[in-house]
Amino acid sequence: MSASDPLHTVRNIGPKSADRLAHLGVRTRGNLEMLGAVEVYRRYRAAHGANLNALYALQAGLMDLDWRALTDDFKQALKEAVADADTD
């Protein structure tokens, strides 16, 4: 995959989510990589509301994995990263 690939081509990100993310300025895989899954999730959650599955989908998409393949420990680390970012 290339950084210039449209977001809807990233695994776990469907057309509706890609459209909502585009309105937040996240239009390509490269945008997602640059900002990181945690920051993109925070922006998405603030604009549209989202549960943690959205966070897992974004991170797993960057890893070219199905979001359900993330381990519980990895998911916990992501949740902690969001909590830390929320307190900054």
PDB file of N, CA and C in Angstrom:
ATOM      1  N   MET A   1       0.828  -1.178   0.000  1.00  0.00           N
ATOM      2  CA  MET A   1       0.000   0.000   0.000  1.00  0.00           C
ATOM      3  C   MET A   1       0.878   1.250   0.000  1.00  0.00           C
ATOM      4  N   SER A   2       0.356   2.259  -0.598  1.00  0.00           N
ATOM      5  CA  SER A   2       1.070   3.528  -0.729  1.00  0.00           C
ATOM      6  C   SER A   2       0.416   4.590   0.158  1.00  0.00           C
ATOM      7  N   ALA A   3       1.211   5.550   0.577  1.00  0.00           N
ATOM      8  CA  ALA A   3       0.695   6.647   1.402  1.00  0.00           C
ATOM      9  C   ALA A   3      -0.373   7.450   0.677  1.00  0.00           C
ATOM     10  N   SER A   4      -0.338   7.438  -0.644  1.00  0.00           N
ATOM     11  CA  SER A   4      -1.317   8.211  -1.410  1.00  0.00           C
ATOM     12  C   SER A   4      -2.616   7.443  -1.659  1.00  0.00           C
ATOM     13  N   ASP A   5      -2.687   6.204  -1.213  1.00  0.00           N
ATOM     14  CA  ASP A   5      -3.913   5.423  -1.413  1.00  0.00           C
ATOM     15  C   ASP A   5      -5.080   6.074  -0.686  1.00  0.00           C
ATOM     16  N   PRO A   6      -6.234   6.139  -1.327  1.00  0.00           N
ATOM     17  CA  PRO A   6      -7.416   6.698  -0.668  1.00  0.00           C
ATOM     18  C   PRO A   6      -7.757   5.894   0.586  1.00  0.00           C
ATOM     19  N   LEU A   7      -8.297   6.556   1.571  1.00  0.00           N
ATOM     20  CA  LEU A   7      -8.575   5.930   2.854  1.00  0.00           C
ATOM     21  C   LEU A   7      -9.527   4.743   2.731  1.00  0.00           C
ATOM     22  N   HIS A   8     -10.459   4.803   1.802  1.00  0.00           N
ATOM     23  CA  HIS A   8     -11.420   3.694   1.698  1.00  0.00           C
ATOM     24  C   HIS A   8     -10.767   2.392   1.237  1.00  0.00           C
ATOM     25  N   THR A   9      -9.512   2.451   0.786  1.00  0.00           N
ATOM     26  CA  THR A   9      -8.811   1.222   0.388  1.00  0.00           C
ATOM     27  C   THR A   9      -8.066   0.579   1.554  1.00  0.00           C
ATOM     28  N   VAL A  10      -8.022   1.260   2.695  1.00  0.00           N
ATOM     29  CA  VAL A  10      -7.373   0.717   3.882  1.00  0.00           C
ATOM     30  C   VAL A  10      -8.312  -0.299   4.520  1.00  0.00           C
ATOM     31  N   ARG A  11      -7.760  -1.424   4.881  1.00  0.00           N
ATOM     32  CA  ARG A  11      -8.551  -2.485   5.496  1.00  0.00           C
ATOM     33  C   ARG A  11      -9.306  -1.940   6.714  1.00  0.00           C
ATOM     34  N   ASN A  12     -10.525  -2.380   6.896  1.00  0.00           N
ATOM     35  CA  ASN A  12     -11.420  -2.034   8.014  1.00  0.00           C
ATOM     36  C   ASN A  12     -12.108  -0.685   7.881  1.00  0.00           C
ATOM     37  N   ILE A  13     -11.785   0.093   6.868  1.00  0.00           N
ATOM     38  CA  ILE A  13     -12.398   1.413   6.713  1.00  0.00           C
ATOM     39  C   ILE A  13     -13.332   1.378   5.510  1.00  0.00           C
ATOM     40  N   GLY A  14     -14.623   1.451   5.805  1.00  0.00           N
ATOM     41  CA  GLY A  14     -15.613   1.418   4.745  1.00  0.00           C
ATOM     42  C   GLY A  14     -15.864   2.793   4.162  1.00  0.00           C
ATOM     43  N   PRO A  15     -16.689   2.852   3.124  1.00  0.00           N
ATOM     44  CA  PRO A  15     -16.955   4.122   2.453  1.00  0.00           C
ATOM     45  C   PRO A  15     -17.558   5.190   3.359  1.00  0.00           C
ATOM     46  N   LYS A  16     -18.455   4.810   4.246  1.00  0.00           N
ATOM     47  CA  LYS A  16     -19.092   5.794   5.125  1.00  0.00           C
ATOM     48  C   LYS A  16     -18.062   6.391   6.094  1.00  0.00           C
ATOM     49  N   SER A  17     -17.257   5.552   6.705  1.00  0.00           N
ATOM     50  CA  SER A  17     -16.216   6.054   7.609  1.00  0.00           C
ATOM     51  C   SER A  17     -15.195   6.883   6.852  1.00  0.00           C
ATOM     52  N   ALA A  18     -14.821   6.432   5.662  1.00  0.00           N
ATOM     53  CA  ALA A  18     -13.849   7.181   4.859  1.00  0.00           C
ATOM     54  C   ALA A  18     -14.385   8.570   4.528  1.00  0.00           C
ATOM     55  N   ASP A  19     -15.669   8.656   4.232  1.00  0.00           N
ATOM     56  CA  ASP A  19     -16.277   9.957   3.928  1.00  0.00           C
ATOM     57  C   ASP A  19     -16.263  10.862   5.159  1.00  0.00           C
ATOM     58  N   ARG A  20     -16.610  10.315   6.302  1.00  0.00           N
ATOM     59  CA  ARG A  20     -16.603  11.109   7.535  1.00  0.00           C
ATOM     60  C   ARG A  20     -15.183  11.563   7.882  1.00  0.00           C
ATOM     61  N   LEU A  21     -14.217  10.680   7.690  1.00  0.00           N
ATOM     62  CA  LEU A  21     -12.828  11.037   7.970  1.00  0.00           C
ATOM     63  C   LEU A  21     -12.319  12.092   6.993  1.00  0.00           C
ATOM     64  N   ALA A  22     -12.766  12.023   5.753  1.00  0.00           N
ATOM     65  CA  ALA A  22     -12.350  13.023   4.755  1.00  0.00           C
ATOM     66  C   ALA A  22     -12.775  14.419   5.192  1.00  0.00           C
ATOM     67  N   HIS A  23     -13.941  14.523   5.819  1.00  0.00           N
ATOM     68  CA  HIS A  23     -14.406  15.820   6.316  1.00  0.00           C
ATOM     69  C   HIS A  23     -13.532  16.335   7.465  1.00  0.00           C
ATOM     70  N   LEU A  24     -12.755  15.443   8.041  1.00  0.00           N
ATOM     71  CA  LEU A  24     -11.827  15.829   9.113  1.00  0.00           C
ATOM     72  C   LEU A  24     -10.412  16.037   8.569  1.00  0.00           C
ATOM     73  N   GLY A  25     -10.269  15.950   7.247  1.00  0.00           N
ATOM     74  CA  GLY A  25      -8.968  16.154   6.623  1.00  0.00           C
ATOM     75  C   GLY A  25      -8.126  14.906   6.483  1.00  0.00           C
ATOM     76  N   VAL A  26      -8.694  13.771   6.812  1.00  0.00           N
ATOM     77  CA  VAL A  26      -7.978  12.493   6.696  1.00  0.00           C
ATOM     78  C   VAL A  26      -8.520  11.796   5.455  1.00  0.00           C
ATOM     79  N   ARG A  27      -7.778  11.926   4.358  1.00  0.00           N
ATOM     80  CA  ARG A  27      -8.262  11.428   3.066  1.00  0.00           C
ATOM     81  C   ARG A  27      -7.451  10.265   2.510  1.00  0.00           C
ATOM     82  N   THR A  28      -6.235  10.085   3.018  1.00  0.00           N
ATOM     83  CA  THR A  28      -5.356   9.050   2.461  1.00  0.00           C
ATOM     84  C   THR A  28      -4.737   8.224   3.585  1.00  0.00           C
ATOM     85  N   ARG A  29      -4.174   7.097   3.187  1.00  0.00           N
ATOM     86  CA  ARG A  29      -3.441   6.272   4.131  1.00  0.00           C
ATOM     87  C   ARG A  29      -2.320   7.088   4.767  1.00  0.00           C
ATOM     88  N   GLY A  30      -1.668   7.919   3.968  1.00  0.00           N
ATOM     89  CA  GLY A  30      -0.585   8.746   4.480  1.00  0.00           C
ATOM     90  C   GLY A  30      -1.052   9.710   5.550  1.00  0.00           C
ATOM     91  N   ASN A  31      -2.255  10.298   5.376  1.00  0.00           N
ATOM     92  CA  ASN A  31      -2.808  11.175   6.415  1.00  0.00           C
ATOM     93  C   ASN A  31      -2.993  10.401   7.722  1.00  0.00           C
ATOM     94  N   LEU A  32      -3.523   9.194   7.607  1.00  0.00           N
ATOM     95  CA  LEU A  32      -3.744   8.347   8.776  1.00  0.00           C
ATOM     96  C   LEU A  32      -2.417   7.982   9.434  1.00  0.00           C
ATOM     97  N   GLU A  33      -1.432   7.622   8.630  1.00  0.00           N
ATOM     98  CA  GLU A  33      -0.118   7.276   9.169  1.00  0.00           C
ATOM     99  C   GLU A  33       0.516   8.473   9.877  1.00  0.00           C
ATOM    100  N   MET A  34       0.414   9.638   9.265  1.00  0.00           N
ATOM    101  CA  MET A  34       1.046  10.835   9.811  1.00  0.00           C
ATOM    102  C   MET A  34       0.432  11.223  11.167  1.00  0.00           C
ATOM    103  N   LEU A  35      -0.879  11.215  11.238  1.00  0.00           N
ATOM    104  CA  LEU A  35      -1.565  11.607  12.470  1.00  0.00           C
ATOM    105  C   LEU A  35      -1.583  10.493  13.508  1.00  0.00           C
ATOM    106  N   GLY A  36      -1.627   9.263  13.035  1.00  0.00           N
ATOM    107  CA  GLY A  36      -1.712   8.111  13.918  1.00  0.00           C
ATOM    108  C   GLY A  36      -3.145   7.757  14.245  1.00  0.00           C
ATOM    109  N   ALA A  37      -3.373   6.490  14.520  1.00  0.00           N
ATOM    110  CA  ALA A  37      -4.723   6.002  14.774  1.00  0.00           C
ATOM    111  C   ALA A  37      -5.352   6.661  15.999  1.00  0.00           C
ATOM    112  N   VAL A  38      -4.559   6.901  17.039  1.00  0.00           N
ATOM    113  CA  VAL A  38      -5.115   7.489  18.263  1.00  0.00           C
ATOM    114  C   VAL A  38      -5.644   8.894  17.999  1.00  0.00           C
ATOM    115  N   GLU A  39      -4.862   9.732  17.331  1.00  0.00           N
ATOM    116  CA  GLU A  39      -5.310  11.105  17.068  1.00  0.00           C
ATOM    117  C   GLU A  39      -6.493  11.131  16.104  1.00  0.00           C
ATOM    118  N   VAL A  40      -6.457  10.306  15.082  1.00  0.00           N
ATOM    119  CA  VAL A  40      -7.577  10.264  14.136  1.00  0.00           C
ATOM    120  C   VAL A  40      -8.839   9.794  14.851  1.00  0.00           C
ATOM    121  N   TYR A  41      -8.709   8.787  15.695  1.00  0.00           N
ATOM    122  CA  TYR A  41      -9.853   8.314  16.477  1.00  0.00           C
ATOM    123  C   TYR A  41     -10.411   9.427  17.359  1.00  0.00           C
ATOM    124  N   ARG A  42      -9.542  10.173  18.025  1.00  0.00           N
ATOM    125  CA  ARG A  42     -10.002  11.262  18.892  1.00  0.00           C
ATOM    126  C   ARG A  42     -10.787  12.306  18.102  1.00  0.00           C
ATOM    127  N   ARG A  43     -10.297  12.644  16.944  1.00  0.00           N
ATOM    128  CA  ARG A  43     -10.999  13.619  16.098  1.00  0.00           C
ATOM    129  C   ARG A  43     -12.335  13.059  15.609  1.00  0.00           C
ATOM    130  N   TYR A  44     -12.322  11.808  15.195  1.00  0.00           N
ATOM    131  CA  TYR A  44     -13.535  11.154  14.705  1.00  0.00           C
ATOM    132  C   TYR A  44     -14.573  11.064  15.823  1.00  0.00           C
ATOM    133  N   ARG A  45     -14.116  10.653  17.000  1.00  0.00           N
ATOM    134  CA  ARG A  45     -15.015  10.523  18.152  1.00  0.00           C
ATOM    135  C   ARG A  45     -15.643  11.863  18.510  1.00  0.00           C
ATOM    136  N   ALA A  46     -14.857  12.941  18.477  1.00  0.00           N
ATOM    137  CA  ALA A  46     -15.374  14.268  18.804  1.00  0.00           C
ATOM    138  C   ALA A  46     -16.400  14.746  17.787  1.00  0.00           C
ATOM    139  N   ALA A  47     -16.172  14.425  16.528  1.00  0.00           N
ATOM    140  CA  ALA A  47     -17.063  14.912  15.467  1.00  0.00           C
ATOM    141  C   ALA A  47     -18.298  14.041  15.269  1.00  0.00           C
ATOM    142  N   HIS A  48     -18.147  12.739  15.434  1.00  0.00           N
ATOM    143  CA  HIS A  48     -19.221  11.823  15.051  1.00  0.00           C
ATOM    144  C   HIS A  48     -19.638  10.855  16.140  1.00  0.00           C
ATOM    145  N   GLY A  49     -18.904  10.835  17.245  1.00  0.00           N
ATOM    146  CA  GLY A  49     -19.138   9.799  18.241  1.00  0.00           C
ATOM    147  C   GLY A  49     -18.596   8.483  17.701  1.00  0.00           C
ATOM    148  N   ALA A  50     -17.995   7.715  18.541  1.00  0.00           N
ATOM    149  CA  ALA A  50     -17.439   6.436  18.090  1.00  0.00           C
ATOM    150  C   ALA A  50     -17.118   5.583  19.305  1.00  0.00           C
ATOM    151  N   ASN A  51     -17.214   4.283  19.130  1.00  0.00           N
ATOM    152  CA  ASN A  51     -16.788   3.393  20.192  1.00  0.00           C
ATOM    153  C   ASN A  51     -15.356   2.931  19.912  1.00  0.00           C
ATOM    154  N   LEU A  52     -14.812   2.168  20.804  1.00  0.00           N
ATOM    155  CA  LEU A  52     -13.415   1.756  20.679  1.00  0.00           C
ATOM    156  C   LEU A  52     -13.147   0.875  19.469  1.00  0.00           C
ATOM    157  N   ASN A  53     -14.173   0.243  18.932  1.00  0.00           N
ATOM    158  CA  ASN A  53     -13.959  -0.568  17.729  1.00  0.00           C
ATOM    159  C   ASN A  53     -13.432   0.291  16.583  1.00  0.00           C
ATOM    160  N   ALA A  54     -13.812   1.554  16.543  1.00  0.00           N
ATOM    161  CA  ALA A  54     -13.295   2.453  15.506  1.00  0.00           C
ATOM    162  C   ALA A  54     -11.793   2.650  15.678  1.00  0.00           C
ATOM    163  N   LEU A  55     -11.345   2.804  16.904  1.00  0.00           N
ATOM    164  CA  LEU A  55      -9.916   2.923  17.181  1.00  0.00           C
ATOM    165  C   LEU A  55      -9.182   1.671  16.732  1.00  0.00           C
ATOM    166  N   TYR A  56      -9.720   0.525  17.092  1.00  0.00           N
ATOM    167  CA  TYR A  56      -9.087  -0.736  16.725  1.00  0.00           C
ATOM    168  C   TYR A  56      -9.046  -0.906  15.206  1.00  0.00           C
ATOM    169  N   ALA A  57     -10.113  -0.499  14.539  1.00  0.00           N
ATOM    170  CA  ALA A  57     -10.166  -0.614  13.080  1.00  0.00           C
ATOM    171  C   ALA A  57      -9.114   0.267  12.420  1.00  0.00           C
ATOM    172  N   LEU A  58      -8.952   1.476  12.915  1.00  0.00           N
ATOM    173  CA  LEU A  58      -7.949   2.381  12.346  1.00  0.00           C
ATOM    174  C   LEU A  58      -6.543   1.833  12.521  1.00  0.00           C
ATOM    175  N   GLN A  59      -6.217   1.403  13.740  1.00  0.00           N
ATOM    176  CA  GLN A  59      -4.871   0.889  13.995  1.00  0.00           C
ATOM    177  C   GLN A  59      -4.620  -0.396  13.224  1.00  0.00           C
ATOM    178  N   ALA A  60      -5.573  -1.299  13.239  1.00  0.00           N
ATOM    179  CA  ALA A  60      -5.400  -2.560  12.517  1.00  0.00           C
ATOM    180  C   ALA A  60      -5.301  -2.315  11.018  1.00  0.00           C
ATOM    181  N   GLY A  61      -6.024  -1.325  10.513  1.00  0.00           N
ATOM    182  CA  GLY A  61      -5.930  -0.988   9.097  1.00  0.00           C
ATOM    183  C   GLY A  61      -4.523  -0.575   8.715  1.00  0.00           C
ATOM    184  N   LEU A  62      -3.876   0.190   9.574  1.00  0.00           N
ATOM    185  CA  LEU A  62      -2.487   0.570   9.317  1.00  0.00           C
ATOM    186  C   LEU A  62      -1.567  -0.644   9.307  1.00  0.00           C
ATOM    187  N   MET A  63      -1.957  -1.677  10.034  1.00  0.00           N
ATOM    188  CA  MET A  63      -1.156  -2.887  10.126  1.00  0.00           C
ATOM    189  C   MET A  63      -1.596  -3.937   9.106  1.00  0.00           C
ATOM    190  N   ASP A  64      -2.608  -3.590   8.296  1.00  0.00           N
ATOM    191  CA  ASP A  64      -3.216  -4.497   7.321  1.00  0.00           C
ATOM    192  C   ASP A  64      -3.734  -5.776   7.982  1.00  0.00           C
ATOM    193  N   LEU A  65      -4.413  -5.588   9.103  1.00  0.00           N
ATOM    194  CA  LEU A  65      -5.019  -6.687   9.843  1.00  0.00           C
ATOM    195  C   LEU A  65      -6.512  -6.440  10.007  1.00  0.00           C
ATOM    196  N   ASP A  66      -7.260  -7.508  10.195  1.00  0.00           N
ATOM    197  CA  ASP A  66      -8.638  -7.382  10.620  1.00  0.00           C
ATOM    198  C   ASP A  66      -8.601  -6.862  12.058  1.00  0.00           C
ATOM    199  N   TRP A  67      -9.473  -5.937  12.401  1.00  0.00           N
ATOM    200  CA  TRP A  67      -9.437  -5.320  13.727  1.00  0.00           C
ATOM    201  C   TRP A  67      -9.617  -6.339  14.840  1.00  0.00           C
ATOM    202  N   ARG A  68     -10.292  -7.429  14.560  1.00  0.00           N
ATOM    203  CA  ARG A  68     -10.521  -8.449  15.590  1.00  0.00           C
ATOM    204  C   ARG A  68      -9.263  -9.261  15.880  1.00  0.00           C
ATOM    205  N   ALA A  69      -8.219  -9.099  15.057  1.00  0.00           N
ATOM    206  CA  ALA A  69      -6.973  -9.833  15.257  1.00  0.00           C
ATOM    207  C   ALA A  69      -6.071  -9.181  16.300  1.00  0.00           C
ATOM    208  N   LEU A  70      -6.385  -7.959  16.713  1.00  0.00           N
ATOM    209  CA  LEU A  70      -5.563  -7.292  17.718  1.00  0.00           C
ATOM    210  C   LEU A  70      -5.708  -8.012  19.060  1.00  0.00           C
ATOM    211  N   THR A  71      -4.608  -8.182  19.750  1.00  0.00           N
ATOM    212  CA  THR A  71      -4.652  -8.855  21.046  1.00  0.00           C
ATOM    213  C   THR A  71      -5.282  -7.944  22.093  1.00  0.00           C
ATOM    214  N   ASP A  72      -5.734  -8.543  23.158  1.00  0.00           N
ATOM    215  CA  ASP A  72      -6.311  -7.751  24.253  1.00  0.00           C
ATOM    216  C   ASP A  72      -5.278  -6.793  24.833  1.00  0.00           C
ATOM    217  N   ASP A  73      -4.037  -7.233  24.937  1.00  0.00           N
ATOM    218  CA  ASP A  73      -2.985  -6.357  25.452  1.00  0.00           C
ATOM    219  C   ASP A  73      -2.769  -5.156  24.538  1.00  0.00           C
ATOM    220  N   PHE A  74      -2.792  -5.398  23.235  1.00  0.00           N
ATOM    221  CA  PHE A  74      -2.614  -4.308  22.279  1.00  0.00           C
ATOM    222  C   PHE A  74      -3.775  -3.330  22.369  1.00  0.00           C
ATOM    223  N   LYS A  75      -4.989  -3.859  22.464  1.00  0.00           N
ATOM    224  CA  LYS A  75      -6.167  -3.004  22.600  1.00  0.00           C
ATOM    225  C   LYS A  75      -6.089  -2.168  23.872  1.00  0.00           C
ATOM    226  N   GLN A  76      -5.622  -2.773  24.953  1.00  0.00           N
ATOM    227  CA  GLN A  76      -5.479  -2.046  26.211  1.00  0.00           C
ATOM    228  C   GLN A  76      -4.473  -0.907  26.062  1.00  0.00           C
ATOM    229  N   ALA A  77      -3.375  -1.169  25.371  1.00  0.00           N
ATOM    230  CA  ALA A  77      -2.368  -0.129  25.146  1.00  0.00           C
ATOM    231  C   ALA A  77      -2.950   1.020  24.324  1.00  0.00           C
ATOM    232  N   LEU A  78      -3.777   0.704  23.345  1.00  0.00           N
ATOM    233  CA  LEU A  78      -4.431   1.750  22.555  1.00  0.00           C
ATOM    234  C   LEU A  78      -5.368   2.576  23.430  1.00  0.00           C
ATOM    235  N   LYS A  79      -6.163   1.910  24.267  1.00  0.00           N
ATOM    236  CA  LYS A  79      -7.072   2.633  25.166  1.00  0.00           C
ATOM    237  C   LYS A  79      -6.296   3.555  26.089  1.00  0.00           C
ATOM    238  N   GLU A  80      -5.176   3.077  26.601  1.00  0.00           N
ATOM    239  CA  GLU A  80      -4.353   3.913  27.476  1.00  0.00           C
ATOM    240  C   GLU A  80      -3.771   5.094  26.728  1.00  0.00           C
ATOM    241  N   ALA A  81      -3.391   4.880  25.468  1.00  0.00           N
ATOM    242  CA  ALA A  81      -2.853   5.987  24.647  1.00  0.00           C
ATOM    243  C   ALA A  81      -3.917   7.055  24.429  1.00  0.00           C
ATOM    244  N   VAL A  82      -5.149   6.643  24.219  1.00  0.00           N
ATOM    245  CA  VAL A  82      -6.239   7.601  24.051  1.00  0.00           C
ATOM    246  C   VAL A  82      -6.468   8.355  25.365  1.00  0.00           C
ATOM    247  N   ALA A  83      -6.482   7.638  26.475  1.00  0.00           N
ATOM    248  CA  ALA A  83      -6.693   8.281  27.784  1.00  0.00           C
ATOM    249  C   ALA A  83      -5.587   9.291  28.054  1.00  0.00           C
ATOM    250  N   ASP A  84      -4.351   8.926  27.749  1.00  0.00           N
ATOM    251  CA  ASP A  84      -3.240   9.853  27.945  1.00  0.00           C
ATOM    252  C   ASP A  84      -3.394  11.090  27.066  1.00  0.00           C
ATOM    253  N   ALA A  85      -3.759  10.886  25.806  1.00  0.00           N
ATOM    254  CA  ALA A  85      -3.935  12.004  24.886  1.00  0.00           C
ATOM    255  C   ALA A  85      -5.094  12.900  25.312  1.00  0.00           C
ATOM    256  N   ASP A  86      -6.117  12.303  25.881  1.00  0.00           N
ATOM    257  CA  ASP A  86      -7.279  13.077  26.330  1.00  0.00           C
ATOM    258  C   ASP A  86      -6.936  13.974  27.517  1.00  0.00           C
ATOM    259  N   THR A  87      -5.926  13.618  28.278  1.00  0.00           N
ATOM    260  CA  THR A  87      -5.564  14.424  29.442  1.00  0.00           C
ATOM    261  C   THR A  87      -4.541  15.503  29.125  1.00  0.00           C
ATOM    262  N   ASP A  88      -3.969  15.447  27.914  1.00  0.00           N
ATOM    263  CA  ASP A  88      -2.984  16.473  27.506  1.00  0.00           C
ATOM    264  C   ASP A  88      -3.641  17.787  27.170  1.00  0.00           C
TER     265      ASP A  88
END
